Amino acid sequence: MSRSALVTVIVPVHNGERYIAWSTDTFNVEDICARIDAILPELRHDTPRVTDPFPDRVKAREAELRRIWAGCELRNDRIRAVAPVTFRPFDETLRDCVESLLAIARVQPKRRME
């Protein structure tokens, strides 16, 4: 790596402070396949029907965790205030992930018949 490629960023953070760097976008896992179809319609992704074959105790725990997650205040203002960071929209990241899975991992998605 050349010396010109190295960049030093000094941020006003005190020793011991912790920051989580995230975009604060949230989606339910069952909505991800539908989002893939929306951002890559040419893929003709066959969005599966959502099924939930888990026992009632697992469903109850999932519902409890979803309620907790829904009540969280997701923020990134502190990290953005001290570091020169911007977050990509989730759809861009998801599109890049799917395109990489297709091109590099050679994943073959299930496609709709048209």
C-alpha atoms as a PDB file:
ATOM      1  CA  MET A   1       0.000   0.000   0.000  1.00  0.00           C
ATOM      2  CA  SER A   2       1.394   3.384  -0.921  1.00  0.00           C
ATOM      3  CA  ARG A   3       1.775   6.067   1.701  1.00  0.00           C
ATOM      4  CA  SER A   4      -0.655   8.273  -0.218  1.00  0.00           C
ATOM      5  CA  ALA A   5      -3.387   5.659   0.268  1.00  0.00           C
ATOM      6  CA  LEU A   6      -3.230   5.933   4.050  1.00  0.00           C
ATOM      7  CA  VAL A   7      -5.580   8.457   5.612  1.00  0.00           C
ATOM      8  CA  THR A   8      -5.668   9.459   9.243  1.00  0.00           C
ATOM      9  CA  VAL A   9      -8.945  10.671  10.669  1.00  0.00           C
ATOM     10  CA  ILE A  10      -8.928  12.241  14.108  1.00  0.00           C
ATOM     11  CA  VAL A  11     -12.294  12.174  15.817  1.00  0.00           C
ATOM     12  CA  PRO A  12     -13.250  13.804  19.138  1.00  0.00           C
ATOM     13  CA  VAL A  13     -13.977  10.605  21.078  1.00  0.00           C
ATOM     14  CA  HIS A  14     -12.916  10.109  24.677  1.00  0.00           C
ATOM     15  CA  ASN A  15     -11.247   6.934  25.867  1.00  0.00           C
ATOM     16  CA  GLY A  16     -13.851   4.329  26.739  1.00  0.00           C
ATOM     17  CA  GLU A  17     -16.685   5.732  24.624  1.00  0.00           C
ATOM     18  CA  ARG A  18     -18.363   3.167  22.414  1.00  0.00           C
ATOM     19  CA  TYR A  19     -20.240   3.714  19.196  1.00  0.00           C
ATOM     20  CA  ILE A  20     -22.199   1.361  17.002  1.00  0.00           C
ATOM     21  CA  ALA A  21     -22.015   2.286  13.346  1.00  0.00           C
ATOM     22  CA  TRP A  22     -25.240   1.349  11.588  1.00  0.00           C
ATOM     23  CA  SER A  23     -27.726   2.926   9.264  1.00  0.00           C
ATOM     24  CA  THR A  24     -30.796   2.382  11.512  1.00  0.00           C
ATOM     25  CA  ASP A  25     -32.765   0.815   8.640  1.00  0.00           C
ATOM     26  CA  THR A  26     -34.964  -2.002   9.891  1.00  0.00           C
ATOM     27  CA  PHE A  27     -36.812  -4.700   8.007  1.00  0.00           C
ATOM     28  CA  ASN A  28     -38.556  -7.876   9.000  1.00  0.00           C
ATOM     29  CA  VAL A  29     -36.705 -10.921   7.755  1.00  0.00           C
ATOM     30  CA  GLU A  30     -39.816 -12.123   5.931  1.00  0.00           C
ATOM     31  CA  ASP A  31     -39.846  -8.917   3.855  1.00  0.00           C
ATOM     32  CA  ILE A  32     -36.329  -9.297   2.455  1.00  0.00           C
ATOM     33  CA  CYS A  33     -37.311 -11.595  -0.432  1.00  0.00           C
ATOM     34  CA  ALA A  34     -40.038  -9.180  -1.494  1.00  0.00           C
ATOM     35  CA  ARG A  35     -37.497  -6.339  -1.418  1.00  0.00           C
ATOM     36  CA  ILE A  36     -35.171  -8.370  -3.649  1.00  0.00           C
ATOM     37  CA  ASP A  37     -37.987  -8.696  -6.172  1.00  0.00           C
ATOM     38  CA  ALA A  38     -38.716  -4.962  -5.947  1.00  0.00           C
ATOM     39  CA  ILE A  39     -35.114  -3.794  -6.491  1.00  0.00           C
ATOM     40  CA  LEU A  40     -34.183  -6.465  -9.063  1.00  0.00           C
ATOM     41  CA  PRO A  41     -37.400  -7.143 -11.005  1.00  0.00           C
ATOM     42  CA  GLU A  42     -35.418  -8.480 -13.964  1.00  0.00           C
ATOM     43  CA  LEU A  43     -34.350 -11.393 -11.746  1.00  0.00           C
ATOM     44  CA  ARG A  44     -38.001 -12.550 -11.540  1.00  0.00           C
ATOM     45  CA  HIS A  45     -37.316 -13.823  -8.026  1.00  0.00           C
ATOM     46  CA  ASP A  46     -40.029 -16.219  -6.929  1.00  0.00           C
ATOM     47  CA  THR A  47     -40.768 -14.719  -3.528  1.00  0.00           C
ATOM     48  CA  PRO A  48     -41.693 -17.624  -1.283  1.00  0.00           C
ATOM     49  CA  ARG A  49     -44.837 -17.713   0.789  1.00  0.00           C
ATOM     50  CA  VAL A  50     -44.053 -16.939   4.423  1.00  0.00           C
ATOM     51  CA  THR A  51     -44.458 -20.018   6.563  1.00  0.00           C
ATOM     52  CA  ASP A  52     -43.993 -20.390  10.277  1.00  0.00           C
ATOM     53  CA  PRO A  53     -43.750 -24.096  11.189  1.00  0.00           C
ATOM     54  CA  PHE A  54     -42.251 -23.460  14.616  1.00  0.00           C
ATOM     55  CA  PRO A  55     -43.780 -24.646  17.913  1.00  0.00           C
ATOM     56  CA  ASP A  56     -45.941 -22.192  19.855  1.00  0.00           C
ATOM     57  CA  ARG A  57     -43.219 -21.553  22.473  1.00  0.00           C
ATOM     58  CA  VAL A  58     -40.806 -20.436  19.724  1.00  0.00           C
ATOM     59  CA  LYS A  59     -43.479 -18.245  18.114  1.00  0.00           C
ATOM     60  CA  ALA A  60     -44.203 -16.641  21.504  1.00  0.00           C
ATOM     61  CA  ARG A  61     -40.505 -15.899  22.069  1.00  0.00           C
ATOM     62  CA  GLU A  62     -40.206 -14.449  18.561  1.00  0.00           C
ATOM     63  CA  ALA A  63     -43.219 -12.190  19.179  1.00  0.00           C
ATOM     64  CA  GLU A  64     -41.661 -11.025  22.452  1.00  0.00           C
ATOM     65  CA  LEU A  65     -38.342 -10.215  20.775  1.00  0.00           C
ATOM     66  CA  ARG A  66     -40.057  -8.402  17.902  1.00  0.00           C
ATOM     67  CA  ARG A  67     -41.952  -6.231  20.431  1.00  0.00           C
ATOM     68  CA  ILE A  68     -38.675  -5.376  22.187  1.00  0.00           C
ATOM     69  CA  TRP A  69     -36.942  -4.587  18.885  1.00  0.00           C
ATOM     70  CA  ALA A  70     -39.874  -2.437  17.724  1.00  0.00           C
ATOM     71  CA  GLY A  71     -39.599  -0.379  20.911  1.00  0.00           C
ATOM     72  CA  CYS A  72     -35.914   0.424  20.438  1.00  0.00           C
ATOM     73  CA  GLU A  73     -34.904   3.910  19.401  1.00  0.00           C
ATOM     74  CA  LEU A  74     -32.430   3.367  16.597  1.00  0.00           C
ATOM     75  CA  ARG A  75     -30.009   6.258  16.267  1.00  0.00           C
ATOM     76  CA  ASN A  76     -26.717   6.966  14.599  1.00  0.00           C
ATOM     77  CA  ASP A  77     -26.411  10.687  15.282  1.00  0.00           C
ATOM     78  CA  ARG A  78     -23.519  10.229  17.762  1.00  0.00           C
ATOM     79  CA  ILE A  79     -21.302   8.298  15.349  1.00  0.00           C
ATOM     80  CA  ARG A  80     -22.160  10.692  12.499  1.00  0.00           C
ATOM     81  CA  ALA A  81     -21.236  13.650  14.719  1.00  0.00           C
ATOM     82  CA  VAL A  82     -17.731  12.358  15.456  1.00  0.00           C
ATOM     83  CA  ALA A  83     -16.787  10.428  12.323  1.00  0.00           C
ATOM     84  CA  PRO A  84     -17.012  11.274   8.638  1.00  0.00           C
ATOM     85  CA  VAL A  85     -19.370   8.407   7.896  1.00  0.00           C
ATOM     86  CA  THR A  86     -22.408   8.103   5.676  1.00  0.00           C
ATOM     87  CA  PHE A  87     -24.625   5.086   5.356  1.00  0.00           C
ATOM     88  CA  ARG A  88     -25.765   3.555   2.111  1.00  0.00           C
ATOM     89  CA  PRO A  89     -29.462   2.893   1.682  1.00  0.00           C
ATOM     90  CA  PHE A  90     -30.392  -0.678   2.567  1.00  0.00           C
ATOM     91  CA  ASP A  91     -31.731  -1.371  -0.915  1.00  0.00           C
ATOM     92  CA  GLU A  92     -28.321  -0.556  -2.454  1.00  0.00           C
ATOM     93  CA  THR A  93     -26.599  -2.905  -0.035  1.00  0.00           C
ATOM     94  CA  LEU A  94     -29.149  -5.660  -0.623  1.00  0.00           C
ATOM     95  CA  ARG A  95     -28.856  -5.260  -4.404  1.00  0.00           C
ATOM     96  CA  ASP A  96     -25.048  -5.469  -4.228  1.00  0.00           C
ATOM     97  CA  CYS A  97     -25.263  -8.527  -1.985  1.00  0.00           C
ATOM     98  CA  VAL A  98     -27.643 -10.344  -4.343  1.00  0.00           C
ATOM     99  CA  GLU A  99     -25.597  -9.413  -7.405  1.00  0.00           C
ATOM    100  CA  SER A 100     -22.447 -10.732  -5.695  1.00  0.00           C
ATOM    101  CA  LEU A 101     -24.185 -13.973  -4.771  1.00  0.00           C
ATOM    102  CA  LEU A 102     -25.214 -14.403  -8.405  1.00  0.00           C
ATOM    103  CA  ALA A 103     -21.885 -13.431  -9.994  1.00  0.00           C
ATOM    104  CA  ILE A 104     -19.312 -14.733  -7.543  1.00  0.00           C
ATOM    105  CA  ALA A 105     -20.995 -17.519  -5.586  1.00  0.00           C
ATOM    106  CA  ARG A 106     -23.022 -18.582  -8.635  1.00  0.00           C
ATOM    107  CA  VAL A 107     -26.203 -18.851  -6.576  1.00  0.00           C
ATOM    108  CA  GLN A 108     -29.164 -19.841  -8.736  1.00  0.00           C
ATOM    109  CA  PRO A 109     -32.345 -18.196  -7.422  1.00  0.00           C
ATOM    110  CA  LYS A 110     -35.750 -19.712  -7.835  1.00  0.00           C
ATOM    111  CA  ARG A 111     -37.436 -17.690 -10.583  1.00  0.00           C
ATOM    112  CA  ARG A 112     -41.091 -16.999 -11.360  1.00  0.00           C
ATOM    113  CA  MET A 113     -42.554 -18.532 -14.457  1.00  0.00           C
ATOM    114  CA  GLU A 114     -43.868 -15.842 -16.782  1.00  0.00           C
END
